[in-house]
Protein backbone atom coordinates (compact mmCIF):
# COMPACT_ATOMS: atom_id res chain seq x y z
CA UNK A 1 -57.82 -23.66 -108.39
CA UNK A 2 -56.63 -27.16 -107.36
CA UNK A 3 -56.95 -28.48 -103.83
CA UNK A 4 -53.70 -28.57 -103.25
CA UNK A 5 -52.89 -25.03 -103.45
CA UNK A 6 -56.75 -24.18 -101.52
CA UNK A 7 -54.64 -26.78 -98.68
CA UNK A 8 -51.27 -24.86 -98.64
CA UNK A 9 -53.46 -21.36 -98.77
CA UNK A 10 -55.20 -22.43 -95.36
CA UNK A 11 -52.22 -23.70 -94.02
CA UNK A 12 -50.71 -20.44 -93.86
CA UNK A 13 -53.17 -18.81 -92.75
CA UNK A 14 -53.14 -20.80 -89.76
CA UNK A 15 -49.80 -20.01 -89.28
CA UNK A 16 -49.53 -16.34 -89.23
CA UNK A 17 -52.59 -15.98 -87.12
CA UNK A 18 -50.83 -18.53 -84.57
CA UNK A 19 -47.96 -16.44 -84.68
CA UNK A 20 -49.87 -12.88 -83.85
CA UNK A 21 -51.31 -14.56 -80.82
CA UNK A 22 -47.97 -15.65 -79.41
CA UNK A 23 -47.36 -13.33 -76.67
CA UNK A 24 -43.62 -11.98 -76.76
CA UNK A 25 -41.60 -14.08 -74.32
CA UNK A 26 -39.16 -10.68 -73.24
CA UNK A 27 -38.57 -10.87 -69.62
CA UNK A 28 -40.00 -7.74 -67.55
CA UNK A 29 -36.97 -5.62 -66.33
CA UNK A 30 -35.24 -6.36 -63.49
CA UNK A 31 -36.20 -4.46 -59.98
CA UNK A 32 -32.95 -2.91 -58.96
CA UNK A 33 -31.75 -3.68 -55.76
CA UNK A 34 -31.70 -1.17 -53.17
CA UNK A 35 -28.31 0.64 -52.96
CA UNK A 36 -26.30 -0.41 -49.47
CA UNK A 37 -26.78 2.08 -46.49
CA UNK A 38 -23.39 2.84 -45.10
CA UNK A 39 -23.60 3.14 -41.22
CA UNK A 40 -21.73 5.94 -39.30
CA UNK A 41 -20.72 4.72 -36.07
CA UNK A 42 -20.17 7.68 -34.25
CA UNK A 43 -16.89 6.78 -30.91
CA UNK A 44 -17.93 7.12 -27.43
CA UNK A 45 -15.95 9.78 -26.01
CA UNK A 46 -13.43 8.51 -23.33
CA UNK A 47 -14.36 9.16 -19.96
CA UNK A 48 -11.19 10.82 -18.45
CA UNK A 49 -11.04 10.36 -14.48
CA UNK A 50 -10.36 13.07 -12.50
CA UNK A 51 -8.78 12.37 -9.82
CA UNK A 52 -9.77 13.27 -6.48
CA UNK A 53 -8.00 15.63 -4.28
CA UNK A 54 -8.43 15.24 -0.87
CA UNK A 55 -7.88 17.67 2.24
CA UNK A 56 -5.43 17.57 4.51
CA UNK A 57 -6.72 16.14 7.88
CA UNK A 58 -4.64 16.79 10.86
CA UNK A 59 -5.18 16.74 14.63
CA UNK A 60 -7.40 19.56 15.49
CA UNK A 61 -9.45 19.38 12.50
CA UNK A 62 -13.11 18.27 12.78
CA UNK A 63 -16.49 18.21 10.76
CA UNK A 64 -17.34 15.75 8.27
CA UNK A 65 -14.35 15.10 6.63
CA UNK A 66 -12.83 13.84 10.05
CA UNK A 67 -16.02 11.58 10.49
CA UNK A 68 -16.26 9.89 7.52
CA UNK A 69 -12.33 9.35 8.03
CA UNK A 70 -12.98 7.64 11.61
CA UNK A 71 -15.76 5.59 9.93
CA UNK A 72 -13.35 3.87 7.46
CA UNK A 73 -10.48 3.55 9.93
CA UNK A 74 -12.97 1.98 12.02
CA UNK A 75 -14.02 -0.28 9.24
CA UNK A 76 -10.65 -1.27 8.61
CA UNK A 77 -10.07 -1.84 12.29
CA UNK A 78 -7.48 0.61 13.06
CA UNK A 79 -9.48 2.69 15.33
CA UNK A 80 -11.41 1.48 18.34
CA UNK A 81 -13.46 4.25 18.87
CA UNK A 82 -16.84 6.83 17.88
CA UNK A 83 -16.43 8.62 15.09
CA UNK A 84 -17.25 11.96 16.57
CA UNK A 85 -15.64 14.41 13.55
CA UNK A 86 -13.00 15.49 16.14
CA UNK A 87 -9.02 14.31 15.16
CA UNK A 88 -7.54 13.66 18.23
CA UNK A 89 -4.75 11.85 19.45
CA UNK A 90 -6.43 8.46 19.01
CA UNK A 91 -7.58 9.52 15.45
CA UNK A 92 -3.95 10.37 14.88
CA UNK A 93 -2.31 7.21 16.27
CA UNK A 94 -4.97 5.31 13.95
CA UNK A 95 -3.68 6.92 10.76
CA UNK A 96 0.01 6.03 11.45
CA UNK A 97 -1.15 2.39 12.23
CA UNK A 98 -2.82 2.85 8.84
CA UNK A 99 0.25 4.39 7.34
CA UNK A 100 2.69 2.18 8.72
CA UNK A 101 0.92 -1.20 7.74
CA UNK A 102 0.85 -0.15 4.01
CA UNK A 103 4.00 1.76 3.45
CA UNK A 104 2.75 5.22 3.46
CA UNK A 105 5.27 7.85 5.48
CA UNK A 106 4.00 7.37 8.92
CA UNK A 107 3.20 11.18 10.25
CA UNK A 108 -0.21 10.27 11.45
CA UNK A 109 -1.36 12.96 9.44
CA UNK A 110 -4.25 11.95 6.38
CA UNK A 111 -3.12 14.15 3.47
CA UNK A 112 -4.19 13.10 0.04
CA UNK A 113 -2.18 10.25 -0.57
CA UNK A 114 -2.74 8.65 2.70
CA UNK A 115 -6.49 9.03 1.92
CA UNK A 116 -7.00 8.17 -1.58
CA UNK A 117 -5.41 4.90 -0.20
CA UNK A 118 -7.98 4.63 2.49
CA UNK A 119 -10.60 4.93 0.48
CA UNK A 120 -9.68 3.25 -2.33
CA UNK A 121 -12.40 0.97 -4.03
CA UNK A 122 -12.52 -2.43 -2.99
CA UNK A 123 -10.73 -4.16 0.01
CA UNK A 124 -7.25 -3.24 0.42
CA UNK A 125 -4.57 -5.57 0.16
CA UNK A 126 -3.60 -7.58 2.80
CA UNK A 127 0.01 -6.37 3.28
CA UNK A 128 2.33 -9.26 3.76
CA UNK A 129 3.74 -9.73 7.49
CA UNK A 130 7.42 -9.11 8.04
CA UNK A 131 9.62 -11.85 9.77
CA UNK A 132 8.24 -11.81 13.64
CA UNK A 133 11.79 -10.19 15.57
CA UNK A 134 11.59 -10.99 19.38
CA UNK A 135 13.08 -8.10 21.19
CA UNK A 136 15.94 -9.22 23.49
CA UNK A 137 17.97 -7.32 25.66
CA UNK A 138 21.46 -8.04 27.17
CA UNK A 139 21.31 -7.90 31.35
CA UNK A 140 24.68 -7.89 33.06
CA UNK A 141 25.02 -10.72 36.05
CA UNK A 142 27.67 -9.24 38.91
CA UNK A 143 28.57 -11.81 41.22
CA UNK A 144 30.04 -9.83 44.77
CA UNK A 145 31.66 -10.32 47.90
CA UNK A 146 29.20 -8.42 49.84
CA UNK A 147 31.81 -8.17 52.62
CA UNK A 148 34.35 -6.98 50.71
CA UNK A 149 32.85 -5.15 47.74
CA UNK A 150 34.80 -7.26 45.43
CA UNK A 151 33.65 -8.63 42.46
CA UNK A 152 34.06 -12.57 42.04
CA UNK A 153 32.38 -12.83 38.49
CA UNK A 154 30.38 -11.21 36.03
CA UNK A 155 28.32 -11.79 32.38
CA UNK A 156 25.95 -11.13 30.32
CA UNK A 157 22.81 -12.62 29.90
CA UNK A 158 20.12 -12.49 27.11
CA UNK A 159 16.81 -11.55 28.15
CA UNK A 160 13.36 -12.24 26.40
CA UNK A 161 10.21 -10.78 27.23
CA UNK A 162 10.49 -12.17 30.97
CA UNK A 163 13.04 -13.63 32.08
CA UNK A 164 14.51 -15.57 35.28
CA UNK A 165 18.14 -15.01 35.88
CA UNK A 166 19.31 -17.61 38.53
CA UNK A 167 22.56 -17.65 40.69
CA UNK A 168 25.36 -20.20 39.85
CA UNK A 169 27.56 -20.72 42.75
CA UNK A 170 29.64 -22.63 40.24
CA UNK A 171 30.65 -18.83 39.24
CA UNK A 172 32.13 -17.97 42.79
CA UNK A 173 35.46 -19.76 44.48
CA UNK A 174 34.92 -22.00 47.20
CA UNK A 175 34.23 -20.68 50.91
CA UNK A 176 31.67 -18.40 49.59
CA UNK A 177 28.02 -18.84 50.27
CA UNK A 178 24.81 -16.84 48.96
CA UNK A 179 23.62 -14.24 51.10
CA UNK A 180 20.92 -12.68 48.98
CA UNK A 181 18.01 -14.09 46.48
CA UNK A 182 18.90 -16.98 44.12
CA UNK A 183 16.25 -15.25 41.18
CA UNK A 184 15.55 -12.62 40.08
CA UNK A 185 13.01 -11.87 37.34
CA UNK A 186 13.65 -9.55 34.38
CA UNK A 187 10.92 -8.18 32.13
CA UNK A 188 11.54 -5.82 28.62
CA UNK A 189 9.37 -3.06 27.64
CA UNK A 190 9.84 -0.81 24.93
CA UNK A 191 13.72 -2.42 24.61
CA UNK A 192 15.02 -1.68 27.81
CA UNK A 193 15.16 -4.27 31.04
CA UNK A 194 13.59 -4.21 34.46
CA UNK A 195 16.27 -4.19 36.36
CA UNK A 196 18.56 -3.28 34.16
CA UNK A 197 21.80 -5.39 35.82
CA UNK A 198 21.25 -8.54 38.03
CA UNK A 199 23.33 -8.83 41.41
CA UNK A 200 24.08 -11.53 43.38
CA UNK A 201 25.84 -11.11 46.85
CA UNK A 202 28.16 -13.55 48.34
CA UNK A 203 29.65 -13.88 51.98
CA UNK A 204 32.60 -15.81 52.89
CA UNK A 205 32.11 -18.43 55.32
CA UNK A 206 33.94 -17.87 58.68
CA UNK A 207 37.37 -20.41 58.94
CA UNK A 208 36.69 -23.24 61.03
CA UNK A 209 39.06 -23.31 64.37
CA UNK A 210 40.32 -26.48 66.04
CA UNK A 211 38.53 -27.31 68.94
CA UNK A 212 41.13 -28.41 71.80
CA UNK A 213 40.68 -31.87 72.58
CA UNK A 214 38.82 -32.80 75.62
CA UNK A 215 41.00 -34.91 78.26
């Protein structure tokens, strides 16, 4: 056997041995990703607010409910007295004032609607003030002849609050002089004037007689 064949056999053996020592290059199986877990959200049940119903309170009522009512009226400035748990006239007037301020039926009785608004959470809305109305009353004024009872003149004067009415002798004929007070104070209370009318009295001046000339 020649040297060339020996070399070929040696190389063949070397290649065969190397092939047996090469590890497999097959990648390991991939680890499966964990399946996604479905999250189930349970909806929170809606809380239904049950409206509060209040016991109607009126004059003659008493107890803790009345005291609580009075304390709230004091807090809001409608009641100027202590909370004693007795529903009297002051409490009735305070409830009526509250009702009038916030557009409720004014009867002085603390029913469900009144108490619901009274105990509402947070501050009550400040009512929009309406236009200020100044009460006025027409007062008749008479100018009279005291001697004969004859009416010399009359007129009406609008009075506000407290008004002073003065006599005006320009309204009577010449030859009369004022014999009553020249000013009268008129006051208004509950849309009524006191006095309800004003009278100024006059008397005619005596006629002048001619005196005889002295010699």
